[in-house]
Amino acid sequence: MLISGIVYTARDAAHNKLVHAINSGKELPFRLEGQTLYYMGPSPARPGQVIGSAGPTTSGRMDVYTPTLLAAGLKAMIGKGGRSEEVKSAINDYQAIYFVTIGGAGALLSSTIHRAKVIAYPELAAEAIMQLELEEFPAIVANDIYGNDLFAQRRVVYRKGGF
């Protein structure tokens, strides 16, 4: 898929703050319902650039927080790597989707980001929540509302001697 539109960045520390706010009944720094989180912390932008390298981080580190965020209305996530059984079940239960994108290609991915703005937790530096405007950001559906799991499907093919 090529994703265009607004997404929000969030890594471990931001996830912790969001879940703490939800569990404490506090207002979130942005409307989570229907949104997409990209598991990414950018490198600093060079002069004239919107953002520095913007590659995905390992999604499994967010698994402890993900079911709570999905229950609060999150609809999509972008990262790299497989998800836990609990997260895959929550994706199905809350009718969400998990996309993966190309690890190690942060400079290429940053070229699809046309606007970037810190909107919450600036004290977290590179892990602050940012609002990004994407245009044709490349991603693959890894887990969907029907229980499909790209990682599990590809393991079966691999074990049968295919690619």
N, C-alpha and C. Protein backbone atom coordinates (compact mmCIF):
# COMPACT_ATOMS: atom_id res chain seq x y z
N MET A 1 0.84 -1.17 0.00
CA MET A 1 0.00 0.00 0.00
C MET A 1 0.88 1.23 0.00
N LEU A 2 0.29 2.33 -0.47
CA LEU A 2 0.93 3.63 -0.34
C LEU A 2 0.01 4.48 0.53
N ILE A 3 0.50 4.87 1.70
CA ILE A 3 -0.31 5.60 2.68
C ILE A 3 -0.09 7.09 2.51
N SER A 4 -1.18 7.83 2.41
CA SER A 4 -1.13 9.30 2.35
C SER A 4 -2.07 9.85 3.40
N GLY A 5 -1.67 10.94 4.04
CA GLY A 5 -2.51 11.58 5.05
C GLY A 5 -1.75 11.79 6.33
N ILE A 6 -2.50 12.03 7.40
CA ILE A 6 -1.93 12.35 8.71
C ILE A 6 -1.74 11.08 9.52
N VAL A 7 -0.55 10.91 10.10
CA VAL A 7 -0.27 9.87 11.07
C VAL A 7 0.51 10.51 12.22
N TYR A 8 0.57 9.79 13.33
CA TYR A 8 1.28 10.28 14.51
C TYR A 8 2.40 9.32 14.85
N THR A 9 3.52 9.85 15.31
CA THR A 9 4.63 9.01 15.74
C THR A 9 4.49 8.73 17.23
N ALA A 10 4.95 7.55 17.63
CA ALA A 10 4.99 7.24 19.06
C ALA A 10 5.89 6.02 19.25
N ARG A 11 6.80 6.14 20.19
CA ARG A 11 7.65 5.01 20.56
C ARG A 11 7.38 4.65 22.01
N ASP A 12 8.25 3.88 22.61
CA ASP A 12 8.05 3.32 23.94
C ASP A 12 7.63 4.36 24.99
N ALA A 13 8.42 5.40 25.14
CA ALA A 13 8.16 6.39 26.20
C ALA A 13 6.83 7.11 25.97
N ALA A 14 6.52 7.44 24.73
CA ALA A 14 5.25 8.10 24.43
C ALA A 14 4.08 7.15 24.67
N HIS A 15 4.25 5.88 24.30
CA HIS A 15 3.20 4.89 24.57
C HIS A 15 2.91 4.81 26.07
N ASN A 16 3.96 4.79 26.86
CA ASN A 16 3.80 4.73 28.31
C ASN A 16 3.00 5.93 28.81
N LYS A 17 3.32 7.12 28.32
CA LYS A 17 2.59 8.31 28.74
C LYS A 17 1.14 8.28 28.29
N LEU A 18 0.89 7.82 27.06
CA LEU A 18 -0.49 7.75 26.57
C LEU A 18 -1.32 6.77 27.40
N VAL A 19 -0.78 5.59 27.66
CA VAL A 19 -1.51 4.59 28.44
C VAL A 19 -1.73 5.07 29.87
N HIS A 20 -0.72 5.72 30.45
CA HIS A 20 -0.90 6.27 31.80
C HIS A 20 -2.03 7.30 31.81
N ALA A 21 -2.09 8.16 30.80
CA ALA A 21 -3.16 9.16 30.71
C ALA A 21 -4.53 8.47 30.58
N ILE A 22 -4.62 7.47 29.74
CA ILE A 22 -5.88 6.74 29.57
C ILE A 22 -6.30 6.11 30.90
N ASN A 23 -5.37 5.41 31.55
CA ASN A 23 -5.69 4.73 32.80
C ASN A 23 -6.01 5.69 33.94
N SER A 24 -5.52 6.92 33.85
CA SER A 24 -5.77 7.94 34.88
C SER A 24 -6.97 8.81 34.55
N GLY A 25 -7.60 8.57 33.40
CA GLY A 25 -8.75 9.38 33.00
C GLY A 25 -8.38 10.77 32.55
N LYS A 26 -7.12 10.98 32.18
CA LYS A 26 -6.68 12.30 31.73
C LYS A 26 -6.90 12.45 30.22
N GLU A 27 -6.96 13.69 29.79
CA GLU A 27 -7.13 13.97 28.36
C GLU A 27 -5.84 13.66 27.62
N LEU A 28 -5.99 13.06 26.44
CA LEU A 28 -4.83 12.76 25.60
C LEU A 28 -4.43 14.01 24.82
N PRO A 29 -3.17 14.09 24.39
CA PRO A 29 -2.70 15.28 23.67
C PRO A 29 -3.23 15.39 22.24
N PHE A 30 -3.88 14.34 21.73
CA PHE A 30 -4.52 14.39 20.42
C PHE A 30 -5.63 13.35 20.43
N ARG A 31 -6.54 13.46 19.49
CA ARG A 31 -7.67 12.54 19.40
C ARG A 31 -7.17 11.20 18.84
N LEU A 32 -7.19 10.16 19.67
CA LEU A 32 -6.66 8.86 19.30
C LEU A 32 -7.61 8.06 18.40
N GLU A 33 -8.91 8.28 18.56
CA GLU A 33 -9.90 7.51 17.81
C GLU A 33 -9.69 7.64 16.30
N GLY A 34 -9.58 6.48 15.65
CA GLY A 34 -9.46 6.45 14.20
C GLY A 34 -8.09 6.78 13.66
N GLN A 35 -7.10 6.95 14.52
CA GLN A 35 -5.78 7.41 14.09
C GLN A 35 -4.82 6.25 13.82
N THR A 36 -3.68 6.61 13.22
CA THR A 36 -2.58 5.70 12.92
C THR A 36 -1.35 6.16 13.68
N LEU A 37 -0.68 5.21 14.35
CA LEU A 37 0.60 5.49 15.01
C LEU A 37 1.72 4.84 14.22
N TYR A 38 2.76 5.62 13.96
CA TYR A 38 3.96 5.12 13.31
C TYR A 38 5.03 5.00 14.38
N TYR A 39 5.56 3.81 14.59
CA TYR A 39 6.58 3.56 15.59
C TYR A 39 7.92 4.03 15.05
N MET A 40 8.22 5.30 15.30
CA MET A 40 9.39 5.92 14.71
C MET A 40 9.86 7.08 15.56
N GLY A 41 11.16 7.22 15.68
CA GLY A 41 11.78 8.39 16.29
C GLY A 41 12.80 8.90 15.30
N PRO A 42 12.60 10.06 14.71
CA PRO A 42 13.46 10.52 13.62
C PRO A 42 14.82 11.00 14.10
N SER A 43 15.75 11.00 13.17
CA SER A 43 17.02 11.68 13.42
C SER A 43 16.77 13.17 13.13
N PRO A 44 17.65 14.04 13.61
CA PRO A 44 17.45 15.48 13.35
C PRO A 44 17.43 15.79 11.85
N ALA A 45 16.61 16.74 11.49
CA ALA A 45 16.53 17.18 10.10
C ALA A 45 17.74 18.03 9.75
N ARG A 46 18.25 17.84 8.55
CA ARG A 46 19.30 18.72 8.04
C ARG A 46 18.65 20.01 7.56
N PRO A 47 19.41 21.07 7.43
CA PRO A 47 18.83 22.33 6.94
C PRO A 47 18.08 22.10 5.62
N GLY A 48 16.89 22.64 5.56
CA GLY A 48 16.07 22.54 4.36
C GLY A 48 15.24 21.27 4.28
N GLN A 49 15.41 20.33 5.22
CA GLN A 49 14.62 19.10 5.22
C GLN A 49 13.47 19.21 6.21
N VAL A 50 12.40 18.48 5.93
CA VAL A 50 11.25 18.43 6.82
C VAL A 50 11.57 17.59 8.05
N ILE A 51 12.32 16.50 7.84
CA ILE A 51 12.61 15.55 8.91
C ILE A 51 13.89 14.81 8.53
N GLY A 52 14.57 14.26 9.51
CA GLY A 52 15.74 13.43 9.22
C GLY A 52 15.30 12.02 8.85
N SER A 53 16.21 11.09 8.98
CA SER A 53 15.89 9.69 8.70
C SER A 53 14.70 9.27 9.56
N ALA A 54 13.75 8.55 8.94
CA ALA A 54 12.48 8.27 9.62
C ALA A 54 12.07 6.81 9.45
N GLY A 55 12.97 5.91 9.82
CA GLY A 55 12.68 4.49 9.69
C GLY A 55 11.92 3.95 10.88
N PRO A 56 11.28 2.79 10.71
CA PRO A 56 10.48 2.20 11.78
C PRO A 56 11.34 1.60 12.88
N THR A 57 10.76 1.53 14.07
CA THR A 57 11.39 0.82 15.17
C THR A 57 10.65 -0.49 15.38
N THR A 58 11.23 -1.39 16.14
CA THR A 58 10.65 -2.70 16.38
C THR A 58 9.33 -2.58 17.14
N SER A 59 8.28 -3.10 16.55
CA SER A 59 6.94 -2.94 17.08
C SER A 59 6.69 -3.72 18.36
N GLY A 60 7.35 -4.85 18.53
CA GLY A 60 7.11 -5.69 19.69
C GLY A 60 7.31 -4.97 21.01
N ARG A 61 8.15 -3.93 21.02
CA ARG A 61 8.36 -3.17 22.25
C ARG A 61 7.12 -2.42 22.67
N MET A 62 6.19 -2.19 21.75
CA MET A 62 4.97 -1.47 22.06
C MET A 62 3.82 -2.41 22.44
N ASP A 63 4.05 -3.72 22.34
CA ASP A 63 2.97 -4.69 22.54
C ASP A 63 2.28 -4.59 23.90
N VAL A 64 3.03 -4.28 24.94
CA VAL A 64 2.43 -4.17 26.28
C VAL A 64 1.39 -3.04 26.34
N TYR A 65 1.54 -2.02 25.51
CA TYR A 65 0.64 -0.87 25.51
C TYR A 65 -0.47 -0.95 24.47
N THR A 66 -0.25 -1.72 23.43
CA THR A 66 -1.13 -1.68 22.25
C THR A 66 -2.58 -2.04 22.52
N PRO A 67 -2.90 -3.10 23.26
CA PRO A 67 -4.32 -3.39 23.49
C PRO A 67 -5.09 -2.23 24.12
N THR A 68 -4.46 -1.53 25.06
CA THR A 68 -5.12 -0.37 25.69
C THR A 68 -5.38 0.73 24.67
N LEU A 69 -4.41 0.99 23.80
CA LEU A 69 -4.58 2.04 22.79
C LEU A 69 -5.64 1.64 21.76
N LEU A 70 -5.67 0.37 21.38
CA LEU A 70 -6.71 -0.09 20.45
C LEU A 70 -8.08 0.03 21.09
N ALA A 71 -8.20 -0.31 22.35
CA ALA A 71 -9.48 -0.17 23.06
C ALA A 71 -9.92 1.28 23.13
N ALA A 72 -8.96 2.21 23.11
CA ALA A 72 -9.27 3.65 23.15
C ALA A 72 -9.54 4.23 21.77
N GLY A 73 -9.49 3.39 20.73
CA GLY A 73 -9.87 3.86 19.40
C GLY A 73 -8.81 3.89 18.33
N LEU A 74 -7.55 3.59 18.67
CA LEU A 74 -6.50 3.53 17.66
C LEU A 74 -6.91 2.53 16.58
N LYS A 75 -6.70 2.86 15.31
CA LYS A 75 -7.13 1.98 14.22
C LYS A 75 -6.00 1.37 13.41
N ALA A 76 -4.81 1.97 13.43
CA ALA A 76 -3.73 1.41 12.62
C ALA A 76 -2.39 1.73 13.26
N MET A 77 -1.43 0.85 12.98
CA MET A 77 -0.07 1.01 13.46
C MET A 77 0.88 0.68 12.31
N ILE A 78 2.03 1.36 12.30
CA ILE A 78 3.07 1.10 11.31
C ILE A 78 4.36 0.86 12.07
N GLY A 79 5.05 -0.21 11.73
CA GLY A 79 6.33 -0.49 12.38
C GLY A 79 7.09 -1.54 11.61
N LYS A 80 7.86 -2.34 12.35
CA LYS A 80 8.56 -3.46 11.73
C LYS A 80 8.53 -4.63 12.70
N GLY A 81 8.50 -5.83 12.15
CA GLY A 81 8.52 -7.04 12.95
C GLY A 81 7.14 -7.52 13.35
N GLY A 82 7.09 -8.75 13.83
CA GLY A 82 5.82 -9.38 14.21
C GLY A 82 5.28 -8.86 15.54
N ARG A 83 4.03 -9.22 15.79
CA ARG A 83 3.34 -8.80 17.01
C ARG A 83 2.99 -10.01 17.86
N SER A 84 2.74 -9.78 19.15
CA SER A 84 2.39 -10.85 20.07
C SER A 84 0.98 -11.37 19.77
N GLU A 85 0.69 -12.53 20.29
CA GLU A 85 -0.66 -13.10 20.13
C GLU A 85 -1.71 -12.18 20.73
N GLU A 86 -1.40 -11.55 21.88
CA GLU A 86 -2.34 -10.63 22.52
C GLU A 86 -2.65 -9.44 21.61
N VAL A 87 -1.65 -8.90 20.96
CA VAL A 87 -1.86 -7.76 20.06
C VAL A 87 -2.64 -8.20 18.82
N LYS A 88 -2.29 -9.36 18.26
CA LYS A 88 -3.02 -9.84 17.08
C LYS A 88 -4.49 -10.06 17.41
N SER A 89 -4.77 -10.57 18.60
CA SER A 89 -6.16 -10.75 19.03
C SER A 89 -6.86 -9.41 19.19
N ALA A 90 -6.16 -8.43 19.76
CA ALA A 90 -6.74 -7.09 19.94
C ALA A 90 -6.98 -6.41 18.59
N ILE A 91 -6.09 -6.63 17.64
CA ILE A 91 -6.27 -6.08 16.29
C ILE A 91 -7.58 -6.61 15.71
N ASN A 92 -7.81 -7.89 15.88
CA ASN A 92 -9.05 -8.50 15.41
C ASN A 92 -10.26 -7.96 16.19
N ASP A 93 -10.16 -7.95 17.52
CA ASP A 93 -11.28 -7.51 18.37
C ASP A 93 -11.70 -6.08 18.09
N TYR A 94 -10.72 -5.20 17.87
CA TYR A 94 -11.02 -3.77 17.70
C TYR A 94 -11.02 -3.34 16.23
N GLN A 95 -10.97 -4.32 15.32
CA GLN A 95 -11.06 -4.04 13.89
C GLN A 95 -10.01 -3.02 13.45
N ALA A 96 -8.76 -3.34 13.77
CA ALA A 96 -7.63 -2.46 13.45
C ALA A 96 -6.75 -3.13 12.40
N ILE A 97 -5.62 -2.52 12.13
CA ILE A 97 -4.69 -3.06 11.14
C ILE A 97 -3.26 -2.71 11.55
N TYR A 98 -2.35 -3.61 11.23
CA TYR A 98 -0.92 -3.37 11.49
C TYR A 98 -0.18 -3.46 10.17
N PHE A 99 0.51 -2.38 9.85
CA PHE A 99 1.33 -2.30 8.65
C PHE A 99 2.79 -2.44 9.03
N VAL A 100 3.58 -3.02 8.13
CA VAL A 100 5.03 -3.00 8.29
C VAL A 100 5.61 -2.21 7.13
N THR A 101 6.75 -1.60 7.42
CA THR A 101 7.46 -0.88 6.37
C THR A 101 8.93 -1.29 6.41
N ILE A 102 9.72 -0.71 5.56
CA ILE A 102 11.07 -1.16 5.30
C ILE A 102 12.04 -0.68 6.38
N GLY A 103 12.54 -1.64 7.18
CA GLY A 103 13.57 -1.30 8.15
C GLY A 103 14.88 -1.01 7.43
N GLY A 104 15.65 -0.07 7.94
CA GLY A 104 16.94 0.26 7.33
C GLY A 104 16.85 1.22 6.16
N ALA A 105 15.66 1.72 5.88
CA ALA A 105 15.48 2.63 4.75
C ALA A 105 14.90 3.97 5.20
N GLY A 106 15.33 4.43 6.37
CA GLY A 106 14.78 5.65 6.94
C GLY A 106 14.95 6.89 6.07
N ALA A 107 16.06 7.00 5.37
CA ALA A 107 16.27 8.17 4.50
C ALA A 107 15.28 8.15 3.35
N LEU A 108 15.05 6.98 2.78
CA LEU A 108 14.07 6.85 1.71
C LEU A 108 12.66 7.16 2.22
N LEU A 109 12.30 6.59 3.37
CA LEU A 109 10.97 6.82 3.92
C LEU A 109 10.74 8.29 4.25
N SER A 110 11.78 8.98 4.69
CA SER A 110 11.61 10.40 5.04
C SER A 110 11.21 11.24 3.84
N SER A 111 11.51 10.78 2.63
CA SER A 111 11.14 11.55 1.43
C SER A 111 9.63 11.55 1.20
N THR A 112 8.89 10.69 1.89
CA THR A 112 7.42 10.66 1.75
C THR A 112 6.74 11.52 2.80
N ILE A 113 7.51 12.13 3.70
CA ILE A 113 6.97 12.96 4.77
C ILE A 113 7.07 14.43 4.35
N HIS A 114 5.93 15.07 4.20
CA HIS A 114 5.90 16.44 3.69
C HIS A 114 5.70 17.50 4.77
N ARG A 115 5.33 17.07 5.96
CA ARG A 115 5.18 17.99 7.08
C ARG A 115 5.39 17.19 8.35
N ALA A 116 6.09 17.77 9.32
CA ALA A 116 6.34 17.12 10.61
C ALA A 116 6.33 18.17 11.70
N LYS A 117 5.56 17.88 12.75
CA LYS A 117 5.43 18.85 13.83
C LYS A 117 5.30 18.11 15.16
N VAL A 118 6.11 18.48 16.16
CA VAL A 118 5.96 17.92 17.50
C VAL A 118 4.67 18.45 18.09
N ILE A 119 3.83 17.52 18.58
CA ILE A 119 2.55 17.95 19.16
C ILE A 119 2.39 17.58 20.63
N ALA A 120 3.28 16.69 21.14
CA ALA A 120 3.16 16.30 22.55
C ALA A 120 4.47 15.73 23.07
N TYR A 121 4.69 15.92 24.35
CA TYR A 121 5.83 15.37 25.07
C TYR A 121 7.18 15.78 24.47
N PRO A 122 7.40 17.07 24.25
CA PRO A 122 8.67 17.51 23.68
C PRO A 122 9.88 17.14 24.55
N GLU A 123 9.64 16.94 25.84
CA GLU A 123 10.73 16.53 26.74
C GLU A 123 11.31 15.16 26.38
N LEU A 124 10.59 14.40 25.55
CA LEU A 124 11.08 13.08 25.14
C LEU A 124 12.01 13.15 23.93
N ALA A 125 12.28 14.36 23.45
CA ALA A 125 13.20 14.58 22.31
C ALA A 125 12.78 13.75 21.11
N ALA A 126 13.62 12.85 20.64
CA ALA A 126 13.29 12.06 19.43
C ALA A 126 12.08 11.16 19.63
N GLU A 127 11.69 10.90 20.89
CA GLU A 127 10.51 10.07 21.15
C GLU A 127 9.25 10.90 21.39
N ALA A 128 9.32 12.21 21.19
CA ALA A 128 8.12 13.05 21.31
C ALA A 128 7.10 12.61 20.26
N ILE A 129 5.85 12.87 20.53
CA ILE A 129 4.82 12.56 19.54
C ILE A 129 4.81 13.65 18.49
N MET A 130 4.88 13.21 17.24
CA MET A 130 4.84 14.14 16.12
C MET A 130 3.62 13.85 15.26
N GLN A 131 3.12 14.88 14.62
CA GLN A 131 2.10 14.71 13.60
C GLN A 131 2.83 14.82 12.26
N LEU A 132 2.65 13.79 11.44
CA LEU A 132 3.29 13.76 10.13
C LEU A 132 2.24 13.80 9.04
N GLU A 133 2.58 14.45 7.94
CA GLU A 133 1.76 14.38 6.74
C GLU A 133 2.53 13.54 5.72
N LEU A 134 1.96 12.39 5.38
CA LEU A 134 2.61 11.45 4.47
C LEU A 134 2.01 11.54 3.07
N GLU A 135 2.84 11.25 2.09
CA GLU A 135 2.36 11.10 0.72
C GLU A 135 3.02 9.88 0.11
N GLU A 136 2.21 8.87 -0.15
CA GLU A 136 2.65 7.62 -0.76
C GLU A 136 3.77 6.94 0.03
N PHE A 137 3.53 6.79 1.31
CA PHE A 137 4.43 6.09 2.22
C PHE A 137 4.24 4.59 2.01
N PRO A 138 5.30 3.84 1.67
CA PRO A 138 5.14 2.41 1.35
C PRO A 138 4.99 1.54 2.60
N ALA A 139 3.99 0.68 2.58
CA ALA A 139 3.74 -0.22 3.71
C ALA A 139 3.06 -1.49 3.21
N ILE A 140 3.15 -2.53 4.01
CA ILE A 140 2.55 -3.82 3.70
C ILE A 140 1.63 -4.19 4.85
N VAL A 141 0.44 -4.71 4.56
CA VAL A 141 -0.46 -5.16 5.61
C VAL A 141 0.12 -6.45 6.20
N ALA A 142 0.41 -6.43 7.51
CA ALA A 142 0.95 -7.61 8.18
C ALA A 142 -0.12 -8.34 8.97
N ASN A 143 -0.98 -7.59 9.66
CA ASN A 143 -2.07 -8.18 10.44
C ASN A 143 -3.33 -7.38 10.17
N ASP A 144 -4.44 -8.11 9.95
CA ASP A 144 -5.68 -7.42 9.63
C ASP A 144 -6.84 -7.89 10.50
N ILE A 145 -8.02 -7.35 10.24
CA ILE A 145 -9.21 -7.63 11.05
C ILE A 145 -9.70 -9.06 10.89
N TYR A 146 -9.21 -9.78 9.91
CA TYR A 146 -9.64 -11.15 9.66
C TYR A 146 -8.72 -12.18 10.30
N GLY A 147 -7.70 -11.73 11.02
CA GLY A 147 -6.76 -12.64 11.66
C GLY A 147 -5.60 -13.04 10.78
N ASN A 148 -5.50 -12.47 9.60
CA ASN A 148 -4.37 -12.80 8.73
C ASN A 148 -3.08 -12.28 9.36
N ASP A 149 -2.02 -13.07 9.20
CA ASP A 149 -0.72 -12.73 9.75
C ASP A 149 0.33 -13.02 8.68
N LEU A 150 0.82 -11.99 8.05
CA LEU A 150 1.79 -12.12 6.97
C LEU A 150 3.04 -12.89 7.43
N PHE A 151 3.49 -12.63 8.65
CA PHE A 151 4.69 -13.31 9.14
C PHE A 151 4.47 -14.81 9.24
N ALA A 152 3.34 -15.22 9.80
CA ALA A 152 3.03 -16.66 9.92
C ALA A 152 2.86 -17.28 8.53
N GLN A 153 2.20 -16.59 7.64
CA GLN A 153 1.99 -17.12 6.28
C GLN A 153 3.32 -17.32 5.56
N ARG A 154 4.22 -16.39 5.69
CA ARG A 154 5.51 -16.49 5.00
C ARG A 154 6.39 -17.59 5.62
N ARG A 155 6.27 -17.81 6.95
CA ARG A 155 7.02 -18.90 7.58
C ARG A 155 6.61 -20.24 7.01
N VAL A 156 5.30 -20.42 6.77
CA VAL A 156 4.81 -21.67 6.17
C VAL A 156 5.42 -21.87 4.79
N VAL A 157 5.42 -20.83 3.97
CA VAL A 157 5.99 -20.92 2.63
C VAL A 157 7.48 -21.25 2.71
N TYR A 158 8.19 -20.58 3.60
CA TYR A 158 9.63 -20.80 3.76
C TYR A 158 9.93 -22.25 4.14
N ARG A 159 9.17 -22.76 5.09
CA ARG A 159 9.40 -24.13 5.56
C ARG A 159 9.12 -25.17 4.47
N LYS A 160 8.32 -24.80 3.51
CA LYS A 160 8.04 -25.70 2.38
C LYS A 160 9.08 -25.55 1.28
N GLY A 161 10.08 -24.69 1.50
CA GLY A 161 11.16 -24.51 0.55
C GLY A 161 10.94 -23.39 -0.45
N GLY A 162 9.94 -22.56 -0.23
CA GLY A 162 9.67 -21.44 -1.14
C GLY A 162 10.24 -20.15 -0.61
N PHE A 163 9.96 -19.09 -1.33
CA PHE A 163 10.41 -17.76 -0.92
C PHE A 163 9.25 -16.94 -0.61
